[in-house]
Amino acid sequence: MLYFFFFQCYKYSSNLEAWFGQEEIWAEKTSLFHSSLSPIGGKAMSLHVMLEVKGQRWSKFSWGKASLAVIITGLLIIGASSCQKAAQTQEEVAAPQPHEFTGKVKTAWGKYVYLPAAQGFDIVVEGNLESGTVADLVDKEIRVRGNMMKEEPSLFIADTIEIREGESQWRTVFTRTADVQLTDYFHPTERDSYLALTITNINKPADWEGKGKAKVYGQLNLLPEKSGSRIILFDAKGKELAKIIVDNITDYAVYYTKKLRLYDKFWLYLNIKETVEAKTRLKTKEIFRADVVFAGLY
């Protein structure tokens, strides 16, 4: 950069007077370039240029000021370039990176799809398929394109879904046109607010009343109408102890119970509601009503 600057100064020598207060110089040609550079960490750098000027007169100029100008100019250029690259890098990081997964669907319910190929993600399908429901994708080979949800890293938002038809043909069955709405999503951080509920006796309402939120370990008998579903609780010997009436279960909770299809029992996260009358409790072992919001192994 220094030699480039010297060349520009020679080429446009008419600007020297304004820079250094020297008398006007009209350079016809360069006679000699000479530079004297001291080692790094040693004495200050000195630069001298010998120019042959009109009238056979030689003038010798100190370029200390010019060197300082070059350094400052270089730093400004480097700084501007670094800022521009940094801004480009931030834009690239901020911009969503499209991903694609291909594989056979194992479980799907509501707006959620479990695709083993998309390991670590629950795929969210916001909107309707061209035909059928999300549950119809089970056991079908699909190709899904989309992005990880920034606010919820465990969710993958599907932009398009295609179904394989034949060896090399794919048919688009879904294209997202709406923003994602996670009305029934159960955030992992909410688990801590659901404490394990211990039922000692069906005639002891103090075990559950006033708890509000709780989780129980048991077996879910899920019926198609949902409202007729029951959670069965067992004692330490494996005998039926009590039942919980399920008034409502979210699609997200159902989706997770289907992911846990290989397990007979698991934890169910409940919003506890009213207690069943004592007479009915004795007859049916149903102790209270609840809404199920999530299911998991812990």
C-alpha atoms as a PDB file:
ATOM      1  CA  MET A   1       0.000   0.000   0.000  1.00  0.00           C
ATOM      2  CA  LEU A   2       2.929   2.374   0.731  1.00  0.00           C
ATOM      3  CA  TYR A   3       4.404   2.023  -2.753  1.00  0.00           C
ATOM      4  CA  PHE A   4       0.979   2.465  -4.260  1.00  0.00           C
ATOM      5  CA  PHE A   5       0.615   5.701  -2.310  1.00  0.00           C
ATOM      6  CA  PHE A   6       4.044   6.935  -3.523  1.00  0.00           C
ATOM      7  CA  PHE A   7       3.088   6.216  -7.091  1.00  0.00           C
ATOM      8  CA  GLN A   8      -0.148   8.175  -6.687  1.00  0.00           C
ATOM      9  CA  CYS A   9       1.762  11.072  -5.135  1.00  0.00           C
ATOM     10  CA  TYR A  10       4.146  11.097  -8.101  1.00  0.00           C
ATOM     11  CA  LYS A  11       1.318  10.810 -10.592  1.00  0.00           C
ATOM     12  CA  TYR A  12      -0.637  13.621  -8.983  1.00  0.00           C
ATOM     13  CA  SER A  13       2.292  15.694  -7.768  1.00  0.00           C
ATOM     14  CA  SER A  14       0.353  18.914  -8.185  1.00  0.00           C
ATOM     15  CA  ASN A  15      -1.380  18.028  -4.863  1.00  0.00           C
ATOM     16  CA  LEU A  16       1.853  18.049  -2.848  1.00  0.00           C
ATOM     17  CA  GLU A  17       1.810  21.769  -2.305  1.00  0.00           C
ATOM     18  CA  ALA A  18      -1.541  21.585  -0.555  1.00  0.00           C
ATOM     19  CA  TRP A  19      -0.415  18.709   1.641  1.00  0.00           C
ATOM     20  CA  PHE A  20       3.043  19.722   2.793  1.00  0.00           C
ATOM     21  CA  GLY A  21       3.373  23.447   2.054  1.00  0.00           C
ATOM     22  CA  GLN A  22       6.184  22.890  -0.493  1.00  0.00           C
ATOM     23  CA  GLU A  23       6.596  24.948  -3.598  1.00  0.00           C
ATOM     24  CA  GLU A  24       4.996  23.700  -6.792  1.00  0.00           C
ATOM     25  CA  ILE A  25       6.641  20.654  -8.234  1.00  0.00           C
ATOM     26  CA  TRP A  26       6.312  19.561 -11.802  1.00  0.00           C
ATOM     27  CA  ALA A  27       7.686  16.054 -12.087  1.00  0.00           C
ATOM     28  CA  GLU A  28       8.565  14.890 -15.570  1.00  0.00           C
ATOM     29  CA  LYS A  29       9.907  11.527 -14.611  1.00  0.00           C
ATOM     30  CA  THR A  30      11.177   9.576 -11.671  1.00  0.00           C
ATOM     31  CA  SER A  31      14.944   9.408 -11.365  1.00  0.00           C
ATOM     32  CA  LEU A  32      15.320   7.380  -8.256  1.00  0.00           C
ATOM     33  CA  PHE A  33      13.166   5.840  -5.541  1.00  0.00           C
ATOM     34  CA  HIS A  34      15.064   5.173  -2.371  1.00  0.00           C
ATOM     35  CA  SER A  35      13.691   3.965   0.930  1.00  0.00           C
ATOM     36  CA  SER A  36      15.414   3.466   4.213  1.00  0.00           C
ATOM     37  CA  LEU A  37      13.492   1.225   6.672  1.00  0.00           C
ATOM     38  CA  SER A  38      14.709   0.508  10.184  1.00  0.00           C
ATOM     39  CA  PRO A  39      13.941  -2.935  11.733  1.00  0.00           C
ATOM     40  CA  ILE A  40      10.604  -3.436  13.517  1.00  0.00           C
ATOM     41  CA  GLY A  41      10.830  -2.310  17.085  1.00  0.00           C
ATOM     42  CA  GLY A  42      13.885  -0.180  16.293  1.00  0.00           C
ATOM     43  CA  LYS A  43      14.112   3.501  15.358  1.00  0.00           C
ATOM     44  CA  ALA A  44      11.333   5.329  13.618  1.00  0.00           C
ATOM     45  CA  MET A  45      10.882   4.595   9.917  1.00  0.00           C
ATOM     46  CA  SER A  46      12.195   7.214   7.495  1.00  0.00           C
ATOM     47  CA  LEU A  47      11.279   7.384   3.836  1.00  0.00           C
ATOM     48  CA  HIS A  48      12.954   9.602   1.221  1.00  0.00           C
ATOM     49  CA  VAL A  49      12.263  10.022  -2.439  1.00  0.00           C
ATOM     50  CA  MET A  50      14.601  11.682  -4.931  1.00  0.00           C
ATOM     51  CA  LEU A  51      12.858  13.302  -7.869  1.00  0.00           C
ATOM     52  CA  GLU A  52      14.331  14.781 -10.986  1.00  0.00           C
ATOM     53  CA  VAL A  53      12.413  17.976 -11.697  1.00  0.00           C
ATOM     54  CA  LYS A  54      12.333  20.475 -14.510  1.00  0.00           C
ATOM     55  CA  GLY A  55      15.444  22.619 -14.782  1.00  0.00           C
ATOM     56  CA  GLN A  56      17.831  19.880 -13.516  1.00  0.00           C
ATOM     57  CA  ARG A  57      17.011  20.836  -9.917  1.00  0.00           C
ATOM     58  CA  TRP A  58      16.938  18.111  -7.289  1.00  0.00           C
ATOM     59  CA  SER A  59      14.654  18.306  -4.304  1.00  0.00           C
ATOM     60  CA  LYS A  60      14.579  15.949  -1.365  1.00  0.00           C
ATOM     61  CA  PHE A  61      11.366  15.492   0.584  1.00  0.00           C
ATOM     62  CA  SER A  62      10.717  13.847   3.930  1.00  0.00           C
ATOM     63  CA  TRP A  63       7.649  11.681   3.823  1.00  0.00           C
ATOM     64  CA  GLY A  64       6.926  11.356   7.554  1.00  0.00           C
ATOM     65  CA  LYS A  65       3.604  13.080   7.137  1.00  0.00           C
ATOM     66  CA  ALA A  66       2.832  11.010   4.100  1.00  0.00           C
ATOM     67  CA  SER A  67       3.620   7.791   5.988  1.00  0.00           C
ATOM     68  CA  LEU A  68       1.281   8.846   8.788  1.00  0.00           C
ATOM     69  CA  ALA A  69      -1.430   9.640   6.230  1.00  0.00           C
ATOM     70  CA  VAL A  70      -0.920   6.237   4.604  1.00  0.00           C
ATOM     71  CA  ILE A  71      -1.181   4.443   7.952  1.00  0.00           C
ATOM     72  CA  ILE A  72      -4.328   6.324   8.946  1.00  0.00           C
ATOM     73  CA  THR A  73      -5.873   5.790   5.498  1.00  0.00           C
ATOM     74  CA  GLY A  74      -4.995   2.086   5.629  1.00  0.00           C
ATOM     75  CA  LEU A  75      -6.520   1.689   9.073  1.00  0.00           C
ATOM     76  CA  LEU A  76      -9.702   3.419   7.941  1.00  0.00           C
ATOM     77  CA  ILE A  77      -9.951   1.152   4.897  1.00  0.00           C
ATOM     78  CA  ILE A  78      -9.305  -1.975   6.974  1.00  0.00           C
ATOM     79  CA  GLY A  79     -11.789  -0.831   9.603  1.00  0.00           C
ATOM     80  CA  ALA A  80     -14.486  -0.136   7.039  1.00  0.00           C
ATOM     81  CA  SER A  81     -13.879  -3.498   5.381  1.00  0.00           C
ATOM     82  CA  SER A  82     -14.042  -5.318   8.731  1.00  0.00           C
ATOM     83  CA  CYS A  83     -17.301  -3.584   9.653  1.00  0.00           C
ATOM     84  CA  GLN A  84     -18.797  -4.509   6.306  1.00  0.00           C
ATOM     85  CA  LYS A  85     -17.760  -8.156   6.680  1.00  0.00           C
ATOM     86  CA  ALA A  86     -19.035  -8.242  10.252  1.00  0.00           C
ATOM     87  CA  ALA A  87     -22.386  -6.828   9.137  1.00  0.00           C
ATOM     88  CA  GLN A  88     -22.603  -9.411   6.349  1.00  0.00           C
ATOM     89  CA  THR A  89     -21.752 -12.203   8.818  1.00  0.00           C
ATOM     90  CA  GLN A  90     -24.457 -11.035  11.238  1.00  0.00           C
ATOM     91  CA  GLU A  91     -27.005 -10.946   8.430  1.00  0.00           C
ATOM     92  CA  GLU A  92     -26.042 -14.469   7.371  1.00  0.00           C
ATOM     93  CA  VAL A  93     -26.332 -15.751  10.941  1.00  0.00           C
ATOM     94  CA  ALA A  94     -29.653 -13.963  11.504  1.00  0.00           C
ATOM     95  CA  ALA A  95     -31.132 -15.245   8.257  1.00  0.00           C
ATOM     96  CA  PRO A  96     -32.857 -18.636   8.658  1.00  0.00           C
ATOM     97  CA  GLN A  97     -30.966 -21.488   7.074  1.00  0.00           C
ATOM     98  CA  PRO A  98     -33.269 -23.809   5.114  1.00  0.00           C
ATOM     99  CA  HIS A  99     -32.993 -27.523   5.868  1.00  0.00           C
ATOM    100  CA  GLU A 100     -34.411 -30.657   4.328  1.00  0.00           C
ATOM    101  CA  PHE A 101     -35.240 -34.040   5.849  1.00  0.00           C
ATOM    102  CA  THR A 102     -36.365 -37.179   4.064  1.00  0.00           C
ATOM    103  CA  GLY A 103     -37.724 -40.309   5.689  1.00  0.00           C
ATOM    104  CA  LYS A 104     -40.708 -42.325   6.847  1.00  0.00           C
ATOM    105  CA  VAL A 105     -43.115 -40.757   9.313  1.00  0.00           C
ATOM    106  CA  LYS A 106     -43.460 -42.732  12.544  1.00  0.00           C
ATOM    107  CA  THR A 107     -46.028 -40.654  14.397  1.00  0.00           C
ATOM    108  CA  ALA A 108     -48.227 -37.663  13.568  1.00  0.00           C
ATOM    109  CA  TRP A 109     -51.101 -35.964  15.333  1.00  0.00           C
ATOM    110  CA  GLY A 110     -52.690 -32.543  15.282  1.00  0.00           C
ATOM    111  CA  LYS A 111     -50.040 -30.308  13.738  1.00  0.00           C
ATOM    112  CA  TYR A 112     -47.055 -32.347  14.930  1.00  0.00           C
ATOM    113  CA  VAL A 113     -45.001 -34.918  13.021  1.00  0.00           C
ATOM    114  CA  TYR A 114     -42.283 -37.241  14.289  1.00  0.00           C
ATOM    115  CA  LEU A 115     -39.738 -38.052  11.588  1.00  0.00           C
ATOM    116  CA  PRO A 116     -36.728 -40.071  12.847  1.00  0.00           C
ATOM    117  CA  ALA A 117     -34.595 -38.516  10.108  1.00  0.00           C
ATOM    118  CA  ALA A 118     -35.145 -35.120  11.767  1.00  0.00           C
ATOM    119  CA  GLN A 119     -33.513 -36.276  14.979  1.00  0.00           C
ATOM    120  CA  GLY A 120     -34.136 -34.005  17.945  1.00  0.00           C
ATOM    121  CA  PHE A 121     -36.999 -32.117  16.307  1.00  0.00           C
ATOM    122  CA  ASP A 122     -40.763 -32.165  16.467  1.00  0.00           C
ATOM    123  CA  ILE A 123     -41.978 -30.999  13.064  1.00  0.00           C
ATOM    124  CA  VAL A 124     -44.762 -28.426  13.163  1.00  0.00           C
ATOM    125  CA  VAL A 125     -47.224 -28.328  10.250  1.00  0.00           C
ATOM    126  CA  GLU A 126     -49.137 -25.057  10.468  1.00  0.00           C
ATOM    127  CA  GLY A 127     -52.168 -25.295   8.199  1.00  0.00           C
ATOM    128  CA  ASN A 128     -54.045 -27.939   6.289  1.00  0.00           C
ATOM    129  CA  LEU A 129     -52.739 -30.516   3.881  1.00  0.00           C
ATOM    130  CA  GLU A 130     -54.072 -30.472   0.351  1.00  0.00           C
ATOM    131  CA  SER A 131     -56.056 -33.558   1.313  1.00  0.00           C
ATOM    132  CA  GLY A 132     -56.498 -35.505   4.524  1.00  0.00           C
ATOM    133  CA  THR A 133     -54.925 -34.715   7.896  1.00  0.00           C
ATOM    134  CA  VAL A 134     -51.426 -34.766   9.348  1.00  0.00           C
ATOM    135  CA  ALA A 135     -52.194 -38.185  10.879  1.00  0.00           C
ATOM    136  CA  ASP A 136     -52.513 -39.560   7.332  1.00  0.00           C
ATOM    137  CA  LEU A 137     -48.752 -39.060   6.868  1.00  0.00           C
ATOM    138  CA  VAL A 138     -47.917 -41.948   9.214  1.00  0.00           C
ATOM    139  CA  ASP A 139     -45.846 -44.676   7.482  1.00  0.00           C
ATOM    140  CA  LYS A 140     -45.442 -42.520   4.368  1.00  0.00           C
ATOM    141  CA  GLU A 141     -42.069 -41.405   3.054  1.00  0.00           C
ATOM    142  CA  ILE A 142     -41.953 -37.638   2.953  1.00  0.00           C
ATOM    143  CA  ARG A 143     -39.535 -34.848   2.132  1.00  0.00           C
ATOM    144  CA  VAL A 144     -39.924 -31.808   4.355  1.00  0.00           C
ATOM    145  CA  ARG A 145     -38.249 -28.449   3.911  1.00  0.00           C
ATOM    146  CA  GLY A 146     -38.238 -25.711   6.511  1.00  0.00           C
ATOM    147  CA  ASN A 147     -36.339 -24.121   9.360  1.00  0.00           C
ATOM    148  CA  MET A 148     -35.690 -24.582  13.032  1.00  0.00           C
ATOM    149  CA  MET A 149     -37.810 -22.255  15.138  1.00  0.00           C
ATOM    150  CA  LYS A 150     -35.525 -19.650  16.691  1.00  0.00           C
ATOM    151  CA  GLU A 151     -37.574 -19.243  19.875  1.00  0.00           C
ATOM    152  CA  GLU A 152     -38.056 -23.017  20.351  1.00  0.00           C
ATOM    153  CA  PRO A 153     -34.964 -24.929  19.126  1.00  0.00           C
ATOM    154  CA  SER A 154     -36.692 -28.317  19.490  1.00  0.00           C
ATOM    155  CA  LEU A 155     -39.340 -27.393  16.911  1.00  0.00           C
ATOM    156  CA  PHE A 156     -38.847 -27.539  13.162  1.00  0.00           C
ATOM    157  CA  ILE A 157     -41.293 -25.453  11.121  1.00  0.00           C
ATOM    158  CA  ALA A 158     -42.320 -27.154   7.881  1.00  0.00           C
ATOM    159  CA  ASP A 159     -42.555 -24.868   4.867  1.00  0.00           C
ATOM    160  CA  THR A 160     -43.307 -27.608   2.343  1.00  0.00           C
ATOM    161  CA  ILE A 161     -44.007 -31.335   2.547  1.00  0.00           C
ATOM    162  CA  GLU A 162     -43.832 -33.762  -0.362  1.00  0.00           C
ATOM    163  CA  ILE A 163     -44.852 -37.413  -0.504  1.00  0.00           C
ATOM    164  CA  ARG A 164     -42.853 -39.912  -2.494  1.00  0.00           C
ATOM    165  CA  GLU A 165     -44.800 -41.452  -5.356  1.00  0.00           C
ATOM    166  CA  GLY A 166     -42.852 -44.074  -7.261  1.00  0.00           C
ATOM    167  CA  GLU A 167     -39.082 -44.279  -7.473  1.00  0.00           C
ATOM    168  CA  SER A 168     -38.248 -40.655  -8.218  1.00  0.00           C
ATOM    169  CA  GLN A 169     -41.494 -38.709  -8.180  1.00  0.00           C
ATOM    170  CA  TRP A 170     -42.646 -36.436  -5.360  1.00  0.00           C
ATOM    171  CA  ARG A 171     -46.013 -34.773  -4.882  1.00  0.00           C
ATOM    172  CA  THR A 172     -46.410 -31.617  -2.808  1.00  0.00           C
ATOM    173  CA  VAL A 173     -49.129 -32.021  -0.173  1.00  0.00           C
ATOM    174  CA  PHE A 174     -48.426 -29.018   2.018  1.00  0.00           C
ATOM    175  CA  THR A 175     -47.200 -25.446   1.629  1.00  0.00           C
ATOM    176  CA  ARG A 176     -47.191 -23.175   4.646  1.00  0.00           C
ATOM    177  CA  THR A 177     -49.026 -19.889   4.179  1.00  0.00           C
ATOM    178  CA  ALA A 178     -49.654 -18.835   7.793  1.00  0.00           C
ATOM    179  CA  ASP A 179     -47.609 -17.940  10.859  1.00  0.00           C
ATOM    180  CA  VAL A 180     -47.097 -20.684  13.426  1.00  0.00           C
ATOM    181  CA  GLN A 181     -49.477 -20.688  16.398  1.00  0.00           C
ATOM    182  CA  LEU A 182     -48.334 -22.790  19.362  1.00  0.00           C
ATOM    183  CA  THR A 183     -51.465 -22.636  21.491  1.00  0.00           C
ATOM    184  CA  ASP A 184     -51.025 -26.099  23.053  1.00  0.00           C
ATOM    185  CA  TYR A 185     -47.250 -26.380  23.057  1.00  0.00           C
ATOM    186  CA  PHE A 186     -45.833 -27.436  26.427  1.00  0.00           C
ATOM    187  CA  HIS A 187     -42.530 -25.701  27.025  1.00  0.00           C
ATOM    188  CA  PRO A 188     -39.875 -27.904  28.729  1.00  0.00           C
ATOM    189  CA  THR A 189     -39.247 -25.244  31.381  1.00  0.00           C
ATOM    190  CA  GLU A 190     -42.833 -25.699  32.606  1.00  0.00           C
ATOM    191  CA  ARG A 191     -42.096 -29.208  33.862  1.00  0.00           C
ATOM    192  CA  ASP A 192     -40.630 -27.940  37.110  1.00  0.00           C
ATOM    193  CA  SER A 193     -43.954 -26.389  38.101  1.00  0.00           C
ATOM    194  CA  TYR A 194     -45.706 -29.788  37.912  1.00  0.00           C
ATOM    195  CA  LEU A 195     -44.809 -31.720  41.054  1.00  0.00           C
ATOM    196  CA  ALA A 196     -45.337 -35.462  41.364  1.00  0.00           C
ATOM    197  CA  LEU A 197     -48.668 -36.345  42.933  1.00  0.00           C
ATOM    198  CA  THR A 198     -48.859 -39.194  45.451  1.00  0.00           C
ATOM    199  CA  ILE A 199     -52.270 -40.773  45.983  1.00  0.00           C
ATOM    200  CA  THR A 200     -52.517 -42.771  49.192  1.00  0.00           C
ATOM    201  CA  ASN A 201     -56.269 -43.345  49.355  1.00  0.00           C
ATOM    202  CA  ILE A 202     -59.268 -42.482  47.161  1.00  0.00           C
ATOM    203  CA  ASN A 203     -61.041 -41.148  50.230  1.00  0.00           C
ATOM    204  CA  LYS A 204     -58.277 -38.690  51.031  1.00  0.00           C
ATOM    205  CA  PRO A 205     -58.957 -35.575  48.869  1.00  0.00           C
ATOM    206  CA  ALA A 206     -56.124 -33.732  50.631  1.00  0.00           C
ATOM    207  CA  ASP A 207     -53.767 -35.733  48.417  1.00  0.00           C
ATOM    208  CA  TRP A 208     -54.864 -33.765  45.344  1.00  0.00           C
ATOM    209  CA  GLU A 209     -57.093 -30.860  46.288  1.00  0.00           C
ATOM    210  CA  GLY A 210     -55.456 -27.450  46.117  1.00  0.00           C
ATOM    211  CA  LYS A 211     -52.509 -28.763  44.081  1.00  0.00           C
ATOM    212  CA  GLY A 212     -53.516 -27.057  40.847  1.00  0.00           C
ATOM    213  CA  LYS A 213     -50.772 -28.509  38.666  1.00  0.00           C
ATOM    214  CA  ALA A 214     -49.286 -31.966  39.113  1.00  0.00           C
ATOM    215  CA  LYS A 215     -47.935 -34.981  37.289  1.00  0.00           C
ATOM    216  CA  VAL A 216     -48.898 -38.601  37.854  1.00  0.00           C
ATOM    217  CA  TYR A 217     -47.285 -41.855  36.778  1.00  0.00           C
ATOM    218  CA  GLY A 218     -49.833 -44.175  35.287  1.00  0.00           C
ATOM    219  CA  GLN A 219     -51.540 -45.656  32.270  1.00  0.00           C
ATOM    220  CA  LEU A 220     -53.622 -43.603  29.853  1.00  0.00           C
ATOM    221  CA  ASN A 221     -56.664 -45.240  28.294  1.00  0.00           C
ATOM    222  CA  LEU A 222     -57.158 -42.805  25.442  1.00  0.00           C
ATOM    223  CA  LEU A 223     -60.495 -42.969  23.670  1.00  0.00           C
ATOM    224  CA  PRO A 224     -61.281 -41.321  20.297  1.00  0.00           C
ATOM    225  CA  GLU A 225     -63.638 -38.794  21.891  1.00  0.00           C
ATOM    226  CA  LYS A 226     -60.916 -37.829  24.422  1.00  0.00           C
ATOM    227  CA  SER A 227     -63.427 -36.764  27.075  1.00  0.00           C
ATOM    228  CA  GLY A 228     -64.102 -40.413  27.879  1.00  0.00           C
ATOM    229  CA  SER A 229     -60.439 -41.148  28.536  1.00  0.00           C
ATOM    230  CA  ARG A 230     -59.130 -42.255  31.922  1.00  0.00           C
ATOM    231  CA  ILE A 231     -55.749 -42.318  33.649  1.00  0.00           C
ATOM    232  CA  ILE A 232     -55.258 -45.410  35.786  1.00  0.00           C
ATOM    233  CA  LEU A 233     -52.993 -45.209  38.829  1.00  0.00           C
ATOM    234  CA  PHE A 234     -51.430 -48.257  40.489  1.00  0.00           C
ATOM    235  CA  ASP A 235     -50.101 -48.945  43.957  1.00  0.00           C
ATOM    236  CA  ALA A 236     -46.665 -50.301  44.789  1.00  0.00           C
ATOM    237  CA  LYS A 237     -47.879 -53.869  44.158  1.00  0.00           C
ATOM    238  CA  GLY A 238     -49.184 -53.075  40.696  1.00  0.00           C
ATOM    239  CA  LYS A 239     -52.858 -53.148  41.655  1.00  0.00           C
ATOM    240  CA  GLU A 240     -55.291 -50.518  40.426  1.00  0.00           C
ATOM    241  CA  LEU A 241     -55.517 -47.760  42.997  1.00  0.00           C
ATOM    242  CA  ALA A 242     -57.490 -44.918  41.413  1.00  0.00           C
ATOM    243  CA  LYS A 243     -58.680 -43.331  38.185  1.00  0.00           C
ATOM    244  CA  ILE A 244     -58.575 -39.776  36.902  1.00  0.00           C
ATOM    245  CA  ILE A 245     -61.238 -38.537  34.509  1.00  0.00           C
ATOM    246  CA  VAL A 246     -59.727 -36.753  31.508  1.00  0.00           C
ATOM    247  CA  ASP A 247     -61.928 -33.851  30.452  1.00  0.00           C
ATOM    248  CA  ASN A 248     -59.513 -32.642  27.799  1.00  0.00           C
ATOM    249  CA  ILE A 249     -56.124 -33.555  26.383  1.00  0.00           C
ATOM    250  CA  THR A 250     -54.161 -31.292  24.053  1.00  0.00           C
ATOM    251  CA  ASP A 251     -53.048 -32.422  20.613  1.00  0.00           C
ATOM    252  CA  TYR A 252     -49.467 -31.928  21.735  1.00  0.00           C
ATOM    253  CA  ALA A 253     -50.035 -34.305  24.666  1.00  0.00           C
ATOM    254  CA  VAL A 254     -51.709 -36.887  22.422  1.00  0.00           C
ATOM    255  CA  TYR A 255     -48.803 -36.594  19.997  1.00  0.00           C
ATOM    256  CA  TYR A 256     -46.374 -37.399  22.797  1.00  0.00           C
ATOM    257  CA  THR A 257     -48.403 -40.343  24.048  1.00  0.00           C
ATOM    258  CA  LYS A 258     -48.143 -41.747  20.539  1.00  0.00           C
ATOM    259  CA  LYS A 259     -44.377 -41.200  20.552  1.00  0.00           C
ATOM    260  CA  LEU A 260     -44.358 -43.228  23.785  1.00  0.00           C
ATOM    261  CA  ARG A 261     -46.386 -46.046  22.261  1.00  0.00           C
ATOM    262  CA  LEU A 262     -43.805 -48.622  23.337  1.00  0.00           C
ATOM    263  CA  TYR A 263     -44.410 -47.802  26.995  1.00  0.00           C
ATOM    264  CA  ASP A 264     -47.412 -48.903  29.056  1.00  0.00           C
ATOM    265  CA  LYS A 265     -46.922 -46.256  31.731  1.00  0.00           C
ATOM    266  CA  PHE A 266     -45.434 -42.779  31.733  1.00  0.00           C
ATOM    267  CA  TRP A 267     -45.796 -39.404  33.400  1.00  0.00           C
ATOM    268  CA  LEU A 268     -48.859 -37.352  32.574  1.00  0.00           C
ATOM    269  CA  TYR A 269     -48.922 -33.636  33.320  1.00  0.00           C
ATOM    270  CA  LEU A 270     -52.277 -32.445  34.590  1.00  0.00           C
ATOM    271  CA  ASN A 271     -54.229 -29.354  35.437  1.00  0.00           C
ATOM    272  CA  ILE A 272     -56.348 -30.652  38.323  1.00  0.00           C
ATOM    273  CA  LYS A 273     -60.012 -29.690  38.396  1.00  0.00           C
ATOM    274  CA  GLU A 274     -62.923 -30.630  40.667  1.00  0.00           C
ATOM    275  CA  THR A 275     -63.060 -33.631  42.964  1.00  0.00           C
ATOM    276  CA  VAL A 276     -65.502 -36.459  42.219  1.00  0.00           C
ATOM    277  CA  GLU A 277     -68.233 -36.999  44.852  1.00  0.00           C
ATOM    278  CA  ALA A 278     -67.396 -39.467  47.595  1.00  0.00           C
ATOM    279  CA  LYS A 279     -70.194 -41.856  46.608  1.00  0.00           C
ATOM    280  CA  THR A 280     -68.950 -42.046  43.010  1.00  0.00           C
ATOM    281  CA  ARG A 281     -65.330 -42.425  44.157  1.00  0.00           C
ATOM    282  CA  LEU A 282     -66.224 -45.547  46.111  1.00  0.00           C
ATOM    283  CA  LYS A 283     -68.080 -47.021  43.170  1.00  0.00           C
ATOM    284  CA  THR A 284     -65.747 -46.177  40.272  1.00  0.00           C
ATOM    285  CA  LYS A 285     -62.421 -45.236  41.959  1.00  0.00           C
ATOM    286  CA  GLU A 286     -62.538 -42.001  39.947  1.00  0.00           C
ATOM    287  CA  ILE A 287     -61.093 -39.340  42.244  1.00  0.00           C
ATOM    288  CA  PHE A 288     -60.986 -36.075  40.255  1.00  0.00           C
ATOM    289  CA  ARG A 289     -61.237 -34.510  36.823  1.00  0.00           C
ATOM    290  CA  ALA A 290     -58.278 -33.030  34.959  1.00  0.00           C
ATOM    291  CA  ASP A 291     -56.919 -31.689  31.686  1.00  0.00           C
ATOM    292  CA  VAL A 292     -53.796 -33.359  30.288  1.00  0.00           C
ATOM    293  CA  VAL A 293     -51.191 -31.009  28.792  1.00  0.00           C
ATOM    294  CA  PHE A 294     -48.169 -33.235  28.298  1.00  0.00           C
ATOM    295  CA  ALA A 295     -46.778 -36.755  28.560  1.00  0.00           C
ATOM    296  CA  GLY A 296     -43.209 -37.894  29.082  1.00  0.00           C
ATOM    297  CA  LEU A 297     -40.849 -40.441  30.588  1.00  0.00           C
ATOM    298  CA  TYR A 298     -39.986 -38.137  33.463  1.00  0.00           C
END
